[in-house]
N, C-alpha and C. Protein backbone atom coordinates (compact mmCIF):
# COMPACT_ATOMS: atom_id res chain seq x y z
N MET A 1 53.05 89.65 12.48
CA MET A 1 51.15 89.16 12.37
C MET A 1 51.48 87.16 12.94
N LYS A 2 52.39 86.72 13.41
CA LYS A 2 52.69 85.25 14.26
C LYS A 2 52.42 86.13 15.73
N LYS A 3 53.28 87.77 16.09
CA LYS A 3 53.02 87.74 17.31
C LYS A 3 51.66 87.69 17.64
N TYR A 4 50.14 88.75 16.98
CA TYR A 4 49.34 89.01 17.31
C TYR A 4 48.74 87.34 17.38
N LEU A 5 48.88 86.58 16.69
CA LEU A 5 48.57 85.59 16.62
C LEU A 5 48.61 84.51 17.66
N LEU A 6 49.83 84.99 18.11
CA LEU A 6 50.25 83.45 18.87
C LEU A 6 48.82 84.43 20.74
N ILE A 7 49.43 85.72 20.43
CA ILE A 7 48.89 86.42 21.48
C ILE A 7 47.57 86.83 22.29
N THR A 8 47.12 86.80 20.69
CA THR A 8 44.98 85.93 20.81
C THR A 8 44.65 84.95 21.37
N LEU A 9 45.57 84.36 20.16
CA LEU A 9 45.52 82.69 21.48
C LEU A 9 45.68 82.31 22.61
N ALA A 10 46.87 82.82 23.10
CA ALA A 10 47.17 82.30 24.12
C ALA A 10 46.14 83.89 25.58
N SER A 11 45.66 83.85 24.94
CA SER A 11 44.27 85.17 26.09
C SER A 11 43.51 84.49 25.99
N LEU A 12 42.30 83.94 23.99
CA LEU A 12 42.09 82.58 25.07
C LEU A 12 41.65 81.64 25.62
N ILE A 13 42.76 81.64 25.98
CA ILE A 13 43.41 80.31 26.50
C ILE A 13 42.61 80.10 27.86
N LEU A 14 43.65 81.45 27.92
CA LEU A 14 43.84 81.88 29.82
C LEU A 14 42.50 82.35 30.30
N THR A 15 42.47 83.26 29.39
CA THR A 15 40.55 83.62 29.72
C THR A 15 39.75 83.13 30.40
N PRO A 16 38.82 81.85 29.78
CA PRO A 16 37.93 81.21 30.46
C PRO A 16 38.39 81.33 31.73
N SER A 17 39.46 80.27 32.06
CA SER A 17 40.26 79.37 32.65
C SER A 17 39.84 80.78 34.43
N ILE A 18 39.39 81.65 34.42
CA ILE A 18 40.51 82.96 34.57
C ILE A 18 38.89 83.46 34.81
N ALA A 19 38.06 83.31 34.58
CA ALA A 19 36.56 83.84 34.15
C ALA A 19 36.06 83.43 35.14
N PHE A 20 35.89 81.73 34.59
CA PHE A 20 34.94 80.70 36.05
C PHE A 20 35.39 80.59 36.50
N ALA A 21 36.99 81.14 37.71
CA ALA A 21 37.60 80.33 38.68
C ALA A 21 35.53 80.26 40.14
N ILE A 22 36.00 79.13 40.62
CA ILE A 22 34.28 79.21 41.40
C ILE A 22 35.27 79.56 42.69
N SER A 23 34.29 79.91 43.52
CA SER A 23 34.74 81.13 44.68
C SER A 23 33.99 80.04 45.79
N ASP A 24 34.73 80.12 46.80
CA ASP A 24 34.45 78.90 47.97
C ASP A 24 33.07 78.80 48.54
N GLU A 25 32.45 79.90 48.48
CA GLU A 25 31.26 80.33 48.53
C GLU A 25 29.74 79.06 48.30
N ASN A 26 30.38 78.56 47.07
CA ASN A 26 29.01 77.42 46.46
C ASN A 26 30.03 75.87 46.85
N VAL A 27 30.41 76.30 47.33
CA VAL A 27 31.89 74.46 48.06
C VAL A 27 30.31 74.85 49.85
N THR A 28 30.18 75.51 50.35
CA THR A 28 29.55 75.61 51.23
C THR A 28 28.31 75.50 51.31
N LYS A 29 27.94 75.83 50.36
CA LYS A 29 25.79 75.98 50.46
C LYS A 29 25.63 74.20 49.00
N ARG A 30 26.62 73.97 49.34
CA ARG A 30 25.95 72.58 48.66
C ARG A 30 26.23 71.85 49.35
N ARG A 31 27.11 72.52 50.78
CA ARG A 31 27.32 71.08 51.48
C ARG A 31 27.53 72.03 53.18
N PRO A 32 26.36 71.73 53.16
CA PRO A 32 26.28 73.25 54.50
C PRO A 32 26.67 72.04 55.59
N ASP A 33 26.90 73.14 56.66
CA ASP A 33 27.58 72.59 57.85
C ASP A 33 27.05 73.32 58.45
N ASN A 34 26.10 74.17 58.57
CA ASN A 34 25.14 74.97 59.78
C ASN A 34 24.26 73.85 60.27
N ALA A 35 23.64 74.28 62.03
CA ALA A 35 22.40 73.45 62.22
C ALA A 35 21.64 73.36 61.64
N PRO A 36 20.96 74.86 61.29
CA PRO A 36 19.51 74.81 60.43
C PRO A 36 19.40 73.35 58.99
N ALA A 37 20.78 73.58 57.99
CA ALA A 37 20.02 73.18 56.97
C ALA A 37 20.78 71.31 57.83
N LYS A 38 21.12 70.92 58.67
CA LYS A 38 21.58 69.28 58.87
C LYS A 38 20.12 69.23 59.68
N ILE A 39 18.87 69.20 60.21
CA ILE A 39 17.51 69.93 61.50
C ILE A 39 16.75 69.07 59.65
N GLN A 40 17.31 70.15 59.19
CA GLN A 40 16.11 70.38 57.78
C GLN A 40 16.18 68.94 57.03
N VAL A 41 17.88 68.77 57.05
CA VAL A 41 17.37 66.93 56.12
C VAL A 41 17.60 66.27 57.02
N GLN A 42 17.99 65.58 58.91
CA GLN A 42 16.91 64.68 59.75
C GLN A 42 15.43 64.81 59.09
N GLU A 43 14.65 66.66 58.86
CA GLU A 43 13.69 66.27 58.47
C GLU A 43 13.20 65.42 57.32
N ILE A 44 13.43 65.68 56.80
CA ILE A 44 13.36 64.83 55.05
C ILE A 44 13.24 63.41 55.44
N ARG A 45 14.63 62.72 56.49
CA ARG A 45 14.45 62.00 56.34
C ARG A 45 13.57 60.98 57.25
N GLN A 46 12.90 62.13 58.17
CA GLN A 46 11.80 61.59 58.90
C GLN A 46 10.76 60.92 58.18
N GLU A 47 10.94 61.93 56.97
CA GLU A 47 8.83 62.04 56.00
C GLU A 47 9.32 61.40 55.64
N ARG A 48 10.08 61.15 54.96
CA ARG A 48 10.20 59.54 53.48
C ARG A 48 9.90 58.16 54.88
N GLN A 49 10.72 58.21 56.05
CA GLN A 49 10.67 56.91 56.77
C GLN A 49 9.16 56.98 57.12
N GLU A 50 8.55 58.01 57.46
CA GLU A 50 6.25 56.89 57.86
C GLU A 50 6.00 56.94 56.58
N LEU A 51 6.77 58.11 55.93
CA LEU A 51 5.53 57.26 54.56
C LEU A 51 6.06 56.05 53.83
N ARG A 52 7.99 55.66 53.59
CA ARG A 52 8.40 54.36 54.10
C ARG A 52 6.70 53.68 54.59
N GLU A 53 6.43 53.32 56.17
CA GLU A 53 6.19 52.86 57.16
C GLU A 53 4.52 52.79 56.31
N ASP A 54 4.01 54.28 55.48
CA ASP A 54 2.76 54.34 55.70
C ASP A 54 2.04 53.33 53.85
N LEU A 55 3.81 53.08 53.41
CA LEU A 55 3.45 52.45 52.15
C LEU A 55 3.03 51.23 52.64
N LYS A 56 4.26 50.50 53.42
CA LYS A 56 4.03 49.04 53.90
C LYS A 56 2.05 48.65 55.07
N THR A 57 1.86 50.03 55.78
CA THR A 57 0.50 49.64 56.43
C THR A 57 -0.69 49.70 55.03
N ASN A 58 -0.21 49.91 54.00
CA ASN A 58 -1.29 50.32 52.99
C ASN A 58 -1.02 49.02 51.80
N MET A 59 -0.18 48.37 52.22
CA MET A 59 0.36 47.03 51.04
C MET A 59 -0.12 45.95 52.17
N GLN A 60 0.21 46.26 53.50
CA GLN A 60 -0.42 45.03 55.09
C GLN A 60 -2.47 44.50 54.61
N GLU A 61 -2.82 46.11 54.54
CA GLU A 61 -4.33 45.66 54.35
C GLU A 61 -5.25 45.52 53.04
N LYS A 62 -4.11 46.85 51.89
CA LYS A 62 -4.89 45.98 50.71
C LYS A 62 -3.94 44.32 50.49
N ARG A 63 -2.90 44.32 50.78
CA ARG A 63 -3.36 42.06 50.60
C ARG A 63 -4.32 41.16 51.34
N SER A 64 -4.76 41.94 52.49
CA SER A 64 -5.24 41.41 53.89
C SER A 64 -7.05 41.31 52.65
N THR A 65 -7.03 42.30 52.36
CA THR A 65 -8.81 42.32 51.57
C THR A 65 -7.76 41.69 50.60
N ILE A 66 -7.12 41.71 49.61
CA ILE A 66 -7.35 40.73 48.28
C ILE A 66 -7.86 39.62 48.74
N ALA A 67 -7.30 38.73 49.62
CA ALA A 67 -7.05 37.20 50.37
C ALA A 67 -8.09 37.36 50.54
N GLU A 68 -9.25 38.03 51.60
CA GLU A 68 -10.32 37.93 51.84
C GLU A 68 -11.06 37.27 50.63
N SER A 69 -11.22 38.90 49.81
CA SER A 69 -12.08 38.77 48.67
C SER A 69 -12.10 36.96 47.63
N HIS A 70 -10.53 36.78 47.72
CA HIS A 70 -10.18 36.08 47.14
C HIS A 70 -10.53 34.64 47.50
N ALA A 71 -11.36 34.53 49.05
CA ALA A 71 -11.19 33.98 49.63
C ALA A 71 -12.65 33.90 49.98
N GLN A 72 -13.03 34.34 49.41
CA GLN A 72 -14.77 34.31 49.27
C GLN A 72 -15.13 33.72 48.28
N ARG A 73 -14.48 33.80 46.73
CA ARG A 73 -14.67 33.78 45.34
C ARG A 73 -14.18 32.22 45.11
N LEU A 74 -13.61 32.07 46.33
CA LEU A 74 -12.91 30.52 46.54
C LEU A 74 -14.00 29.40 46.90
N GLU A 75 -14.90 30.22 48.41
CA GLU A 75 -15.83 29.68 48.83
C GLU A 75 -17.49 29.93 47.85
N LEU A 76 -17.29 30.39 47.11
CA LEU A 76 -17.58 30.53 46.17
C LEU A 76 -18.30 29.93 44.85
N ARG A 77 -17.21 28.89 44.74
CA ARG A 77 -16.56 27.83 43.25
C ARG A 77 -16.49 27.08 43.99
N PHE A 78 -16.46 26.42 44.51
CA PHE A 78 -15.79 25.63 45.91
C PHE A 78 -17.20 25.05 46.21
N LYS A 79 -18.29 25.92 46.89
CA LYS A 79 -19.68 25.13 46.74
C LYS A 79 -20.55 24.65 45.39
N PHE A 80 -19.83 26.17 44.83
CA PHE A 80 -20.02 25.55 43.67
C PHE A 80 -20.18 24.37 42.60
N TYR A 81 -19.17 23.26 42.50
CA TYR A 81 -18.13 22.22 42.41
C TYR A 81 -18.87 21.79 42.99
N PHE A 82 -18.78 21.73 44.70
CA PHE A 82 -19.77 19.89 45.58
C PHE A 82 -21.04 20.38 45.04
N ASP A 83 -21.78 21.23 45.25
CA ASP A 83 -22.98 20.93 45.43
C ASP A 83 -23.41 20.36 43.57
N ARG A 84 -22.57 21.56 42.44
CA ARG A 84 -23.01 20.73 41.56
C ARG A 84 -22.33 19.16 40.88
N LEU A 85 -21.25 18.03 41.09
CA LEU A 85 -21.13 17.46 41.89
C LEU A 85 -21.34 16.26 42.60
N SER A 86 -22.19 16.85 43.50
CA SER A 86 -22.71 15.65 44.45
C SER A 86 -24.10 15.18 43.44
N ASN A 87 -24.50 16.56 43.10
CA ASN A 87 -26.18 16.04 41.88
C ASN A 87 -25.15 15.02 41.54
N ILE A 88 -24.64 14.98 39.87
CA ILE A 88 -24.68 14.10 39.09
C ILE A 88 -24.00 12.90 39.91
N ILE A 89 -23.10 12.30 40.90
CA ILE A 89 -23.11 11.77 42.35
C ILE A 89 -23.86 11.06 42.28
N GLY A 90 -24.94 12.04 42.28
CA GLY A 90 -26.56 11.18 43.79
C GLY A 90 -27.57 10.58 42.27
N ARG A 91 -27.51 11.99 41.20
CA ARG A 91 -28.23 10.76 39.65
C ARG A 91 -27.32 9.76 39.37
N PHE A 92 -26.33 8.87 38.75
CA PHE A 92 -25.58 8.56 38.89
C PHE A 92 -25.84 7.17 39.77
N GLN A 93 -25.56 7.11 41.04
CA GLN A 93 -26.33 6.00 41.35
C GLN A 93 -26.87 5.85 41.69
N VAL A 94 -28.69 7.03 41.33
CA VAL A 94 -30.52 5.87 40.51
C VAL A 94 -29.70 5.35 40.05
N ARG A 95 -29.13 5.55 38.75
CA ARG A 95 -29.01 5.16 37.54
C ARG A 95 -27.99 3.84 37.37
N LEU A 96 -27.11 3.85 38.55
CA LEU A 96 -26.81 2.15 38.36
C LEU A 96 -27.51 1.38 39.58
N ASP A 97 -28.75 2.15 40.26
CA ASP A 97 -29.76 1.10 41.20
C ASP A 97 -30.27 0.10 40.64
N LEU A 98 -30.72 1.45 39.36
CA LEU A 98 -31.98 0.67 37.98
C LEU A 98 -31.09 -0.37 37.39
N LEU A 99 -30.27 -0.19 36.45
CA LEU A 99 -29.67 -1.03 35.88
C LEU A 99 -28.98 -1.93 37.00
N LYS A 100 -28.93 -2.05 38.30
CA LYS A 100 -28.27 -3.20 38.62
C LYS A 100 -29.06 -4.24 39.01
N LYS A 101 -30.83 -3.44 39.69
CA LYS A 101 -32.19 -4.41 39.41
C LYS A 101 -32.02 -5.26 38.50
N ASP A 102 -32.33 -4.46 37.37
CA ASP A 102 -31.99 -5.11 36.16
C ASP A 102 -31.06 -6.09 35.40
N GLY A 103 -30.60 -6.17 36.81
CA GLY A 103 -29.67 -7.57 36.48
C GLY A 103 -28.59 -6.59 35.48
N LYS A 104 -28.08 -5.99 35.32
CA LYS A 104 -26.66 -5.89 35.04
C LYS A 104 -25.58 -5.55 35.25
N ASP A 105 -24.79 -5.93 35.06
CA ASP A 105 -23.30 -5.65 35.93
C ASP A 105 -22.63 -4.23 35.78
N VAL A 106 -22.17 -4.24 37.02
CA VAL A 106 -22.35 -2.22 37.12
C VAL A 106 -21.62 -1.91 37.98
N ALA A 107 -20.05 -2.62 38.38
CA ALA A 107 -18.87 -3.12 39.28
C ALA A 107 -18.28 -2.04 38.78
N ALA A 108 -17.88 -2.27 37.81
CA ALA A 108 -16.29 -1.41 37.40
C ALA A 108 -16.63 0.28 37.15
N ALA A 109 -18.42 0.92 37.00
CA ALA A 109 -19.21 2.13 36.88
C ALA A 109 -18.95 1.99 38.61
N GLN A 110 -19.87 1.54 39.33
CA GLN A 110 -19.46 2.22 40.95
C GLN A 110 -18.36 1.92 41.43
N ALA A 111 -17.02 1.39 41.02
CA ALA A 111 -16.04 1.50 41.63
C ALA A 111 -15.04 3.02 40.73
N LYS A 112 -15.60 3.32 39.97
CA LYS A 112 -15.82 4.60 39.49
C LYS A 112 -16.32 5.41 39.97
N LEU A 113 -17.45 5.17 40.74
CA LEU A 113 -18.75 6.73 41.27
C LEU A 113 -18.09 6.39 42.51
N ASP A 114 -17.42 5.01 43.06
CA ASP A 114 -17.11 5.52 44.72
C ASP A 114 -15.77 5.83 44.51
N THR A 115 -14.94 5.80 42.98
CA THR A 115 -13.54 7.00 44.30
C THR A 115 -13.89 8.16 43.73
N ALA A 116 -15.25 8.38 42.94
CA ALA A 116 -14.95 9.76 43.15
C ALA A 116 -16.05 10.96 43.73
N LYS A 117 -16.31 9.42 44.96
CA LYS A 117 -17.48 9.92 46.40
C LYS A 117 -16.59 10.07 47.39
N THR A 118 -14.73 9.14 46.93
CA THR A 118 -13.58 9.46 47.84
C THR A 118 -13.60 11.26 47.91
N ARG A 119 -12.98 10.94 46.13
CA ARG A 119 -12.55 12.21 45.98
C ARG A 119 -13.29 13.44 46.15
N LEU A 120 -14.78 13.92 46.14
CA LEU A 120 -14.90 14.58 46.11
C LEU A 120 -14.89 14.62 47.89
N ALA A 121 -15.47 13.86 47.96
CA ALA A 121 -14.76 14.36 49.98
C ALA A 121 -13.70 14.99 50.50
N GLU A 122 -12.67 14.75 49.65
CA GLU A 122 -11.45 14.96 49.38
C GLU A 122 -11.32 16.44 49.43
N ALA A 123 -11.68 16.62 47.95
CA ALA A 123 -11.53 17.97 47.55
C ALA A 123 -12.65 19.10 48.88
N LYS A 124 -13.57 18.91 49.57
CA LYS A 124 -14.20 19.36 49.69
C LYS A 124 -13.82 19.62 51.16
N THR A 125 -12.75 18.71 51.66
CA THR A 125 -11.52 19.29 53.04
C THR A 125 -10.41 20.37 52.67
N LYS A 126 -10.08 19.68 51.36
CA LYS A 126 -8.25 20.59 51.59
C LYS A 126 -9.28 22.59 50.72
N GLY A 127 -10.18 22.48 50.14
CA GLY A 127 -11.40 23.45 50.23
C GLY A 127 -11.36 24.08 51.04
N GLU A 128 -11.79 23.56 52.09
CA GLU A 128 -12.16 24.04 53.19
C GLU A 128 -10.41 25.27 53.57
N ALA A 129 -10.18 23.90 53.73
CA ALA A 129 -8.56 24.11 54.87
C ALA A 129 -8.42 25.23 53.62
N SER A 130 -8.36 25.81 52.51
CA SER A 130 -7.71 27.16 52.04
C SER A 130 -8.33 27.38 51.81
N ILE A 131 -9.61 28.04 52.12
CA ILE A 131 -10.62 28.76 52.59
C ILE A 131 -9.95 29.99 53.54
N ALA A 132 -9.50 28.23 54.57
CA ALA A 132 -9.99 28.92 55.89
C ALA A 132 -8.68 29.92 55.98
N SER A 133 -7.13 29.15 55.25
CA SER A 133 -5.92 30.00 55.76
C SER A 133 -6.14 31.86 54.75
N PHE A 134 -6.90 31.52 53.97
CA PHE A 134 -7.35 32.17 53.21
C PHE A 134 -7.28 34.04 54.26
N LYS A 135 -8.33 33.24 54.92
CA LYS A 135 -9.07 33.87 55.59
C LYS A 135 -8.11 34.34 56.92
N ALA A 136 -7.12 33.55 57.13
CA ALA A 136 -6.87 33.85 58.28
C ALA A 136 -5.41 34.02 58.71
N VAL A 137 -4.66 34.96 57.01
CA VAL A 137 -4.04 35.64 56.78
C VAL A 137 -3.89 37.05 57.72
N ASP A 138 -2.58 36.88 58.65
CA ASP A 138 -2.19 38.28 59.31
C ASP A 138 -1.74 39.24 59.18
N PRO A 139 -2.97 40.17 58.49
CA PRO A 139 -2.06 41.78 58.23
C PRO A 139 -1.28 42.29 58.77
N THR A 140 -0.93 41.99 60.36
CA THR A 140 -0.71 42.77 60.70
C THR A 140 1.24 42.41 60.31
N LYS A 141 1.62 41.21 59.50
CA LYS A 141 3.03 39.95 59.65
C LYS A 141 3.17 40.25 58.31
N ILE A 142 3.91 41.60 57.48
CA ILE A 142 4.25 41.23 56.61
C ILE A 142 4.31 40.10 56.04
N SER A 143 5.75 39.96 56.24
CA SER A 143 7.14 38.72 56.76
C SER A 143 6.92 37.69 56.29
N GLU A 144 5.74 37.16 57.26
CA GLU A 144 4.79 35.99 56.41
C GLU A 144 3.70 35.96 55.89
N GLN A 145 2.77 36.76 55.25
CA GLN A 145 1.71 37.58 54.87
C GLN A 145 2.29 35.78 53.53
N LYS A 146 4.23 36.34 52.79
CA LYS A 146 3.79 35.95 51.68
C LYS A 146 4.28 34.53 51.75
N THR A 147 3.63 33.42 52.86
CA THR A 147 4.33 32.47 52.69
C THR A 147 2.94 31.48 53.16
N GLU A 148 2.46 32.53 54.12
CA GLU A 148 0.15 32.02 53.76
C GLU A 148 -0.07 32.08 53.00
N LEU A 149 0.41 33.12 51.95
CA LEU A 149 -0.43 33.45 50.74
C LEU A 149 -0.15 32.19 50.34
N LEU A 150 1.07 31.58 50.17
CA LEU A 150 2.20 30.87 49.22
C LEU A 150 1.55 29.51 49.83
N ALA A 151 1.62 29.20 50.43
CA ALA A 151 0.43 27.80 50.96
C ALA A 151 -1.12 28.12 50.49
N ALA A 152 -1.71 29.08 51.04
CA ALA A 152 -3.19 28.70 50.93
C ALA A 152 -3.26 29.22 49.09
N ARG A 153 -2.37 29.24 48.65
CA ARG A 153 -2.53 28.97 47.61
C ARG A 153 -2.14 27.37 46.41
N ASP A 154 -1.77 26.30 47.18
CA ASP A 154 -0.86 25.66 46.65
C ASP A 154 -1.89 24.36 47.40
N LEU A 155 -2.72 24.72 49.09
CA LEU A 155 -3.96 24.86 49.24
C LEU A 155 -5.16 24.45 48.08
N ALA A 156 -5.65 25.63 47.32
CA ALA A 156 -6.17 25.58 46.56
C ALA A 156 -6.47 25.04 45.71
N ASN A 157 -5.25 25.25 44.58
CA ASN A 157 -4.46 24.40 43.50
C ASN A 157 -4.47 22.80 44.15
N ALA A 158 -4.52 22.48 44.34
CA ALA A 158 -4.66 20.69 45.40
C ALA A 158 -6.56 20.65 45.60
N ALA A 159 -7.33 21.65 45.91
CA ALA A 159 -8.29 21.77 46.02
C ALA A 159 -9.40 21.22 44.25
N ARG A 160 -8.56 22.57 43.61
CA ARG A 160 -9.56 22.51 41.82
C ARG A 160 -8.26 20.98 41.18
N LYS A 161 -7.25 20.61 41.40
CA LYS A 161 -7.25 19.24 41.24
C LYS A 161 -7.56 18.72 41.87
N LEU A 162 -8.53 18.18 42.76
CA LEU A 162 -9.43 16.87 43.30
C LEU A 162 -10.46 16.77 42.90
N TYR A 163 -11.00 18.46 42.50
CA TYR A 163 -12.30 19.24 41.54
C TYR A 163 -12.30 18.53 40.31
N SER A 164 -11.02 18.25 39.92
CA SER A 164 -11.31 18.07 37.77
C SER A 164 -11.27 16.85 37.60
N ASP A 165 -10.21 15.92 39.02
CA ASP A 165 -9.76 14.97 38.80
C ASP A 165 -11.41 13.39 38.89
N VAL A 166 -12.29 14.59 39.81
CA VAL A 166 -14.07 14.21 40.74
C VAL A 166 -14.47 14.46 39.05
N ASN A 167 -14.09 15.30 38.09
CA ASN A 167 -14.91 15.73 36.61
C ASN A 167 -14.70 14.38 35.68
N ASN A 168 -13.39 14.18 36.12
CA ASN A 168 -12.46 12.82 34.84
C ASN A 168 -13.25 11.64 34.80
N LEU A 169 -13.56 11.40 37.08
CA LEU A 169 -14.35 10.12 36.59
C LEU A 169 -15.13 9.71 36.58
N LEU A 170 -15.49 11.28 36.46
CA LEU A 170 -17.47 10.40 36.72
C LEU A 170 -17.74 10.46 34.78
N LYS A 171 -16.68 11.42 34.07
CA LYS A 171 -16.80 11.25 32.43
C LYS A 171 -16.43 9.47 32.51
N LEU A 172 -15.54 9.47 32.90
CA LEU A 172 -15.10 7.61 32.29
C LEU A 172 -16.96 6.85 33.45
N ALA A 173 -16.71 6.94 34.46
CA ALA A 173 -18.22 5.81 34.75
C ALA A 173 -19.58 6.07 34.16
N LEU A 174 -19.55 7.65 33.22
CA LEU A 174 -20.25 7.66 32.07
C LEU A 174 -20.25 6.72 31.31
N LYS A 175 -19.11 6.78 30.98
CA LYS A 175 -18.66 5.98 29.51
C LYS A 175 -18.53 4.52 30.00
N GLU A 176 -18.73 3.80 31.00
CA GLU A 176 -19.23 2.81 31.47
C GLU A 176 -20.44 2.68 31.50
N LEU A 177 -20.71 3.80 31.76
CA LEU A 177 -22.65 3.07 32.14
C LEU A 177 -22.97 3.76 30.64
N LYS A 178 -22.71 3.80 29.77
CA LYS A 178 -23.11 3.76 28.00
C LYS A 178 -23.27 2.68 27.87
N ASN A 179 -21.63 1.53 27.83
CA ASN A 179 -21.65 1.17 28.11
C ASN A 179 -22.61 -0.29 28.07
N ILE A 180 -23.01 -0.21 29.26
CA ILE A 180 -24.42 -0.66 30.33
C ILE A 180 -25.47 -1.27 29.74
N SER A 181 -25.96 -0.21 29.70
CA SER A 181 -26.89 0.16 29.29
C SER A 181 -27.34 0.46 27.53
N GLN A 182 -26.92 0.46 25.96
CA GLN A 182 -26.21 0.33 25.29
C GLN A 182 -27.12 -1.06 24.41
N PRO A 183 -26.45 -2.17 25.43
CA PRO A 183 -27.19 -3.47 24.13
C PRO A 183 -28.68 -3.40 25.47
N ALA A 184 -28.33 -3.14 26.39
CA ALA A 184 -30.08 -3.31 26.80
C ALA A 184 -31.32 -2.12 25.76
N GLN A 185 -30.30 -0.92 25.12
CA GLN A 185 -31.46 -0.19 24.70
C GLN A 185 -31.36 -1.20 22.87
N GLU A 186 -30.40 -1.84 22.60
CA GLU A 186 -30.39 -2.38 21.14
C GLU A 186 -31.90 -3.41 21.86
N ALA A 187 -31.77 -3.44 22.66
CA ALA A 187 -32.31 -4.95 22.68
C ALA A 187 -33.81 -4.92 22.61
N LEU A 188 -34.38 -3.74 23.09
CA LEU A 188 -35.90 -2.96 23.18
C LEU A 188 -35.81 -3.23 21.47
């Protein structure tokens, strides 16, 4: 009985190694050394390279169109900010002139309004520079596009901050204007 068990165990262990031996044909199929297979591999590499080039050009075109549309949106937004704030500054100046004509001291409010005017002019120039830099992004140079876009973004952020500063200065000037005109209203 021990002999039969030993023989069956040995045959089970040795049989799969003999039955599953790999021939040399599979090795040559996996690593072809013939010319047609090398040509196929070369064609696949060329196709992949062409796909990469197409993706690069598509990405460049997409970046440039995004930059152009962003420039248009910034142009509209900054024009709106400038028109709105310059209109407010004009109304403030008219009101300050009326109060000055009535003999009120408007020096503090006038100083804040003058500062707001200068900041508005700075904001307009920075906004125009950022719009011009977004429009000037070269679609053929992908390596330079990123730095150009980042510089344009920084200019746009600086312009937006200046517009915000103008708005804050106008709020302070409004407080001064209220302080000046309230005593006049109480006297009535």
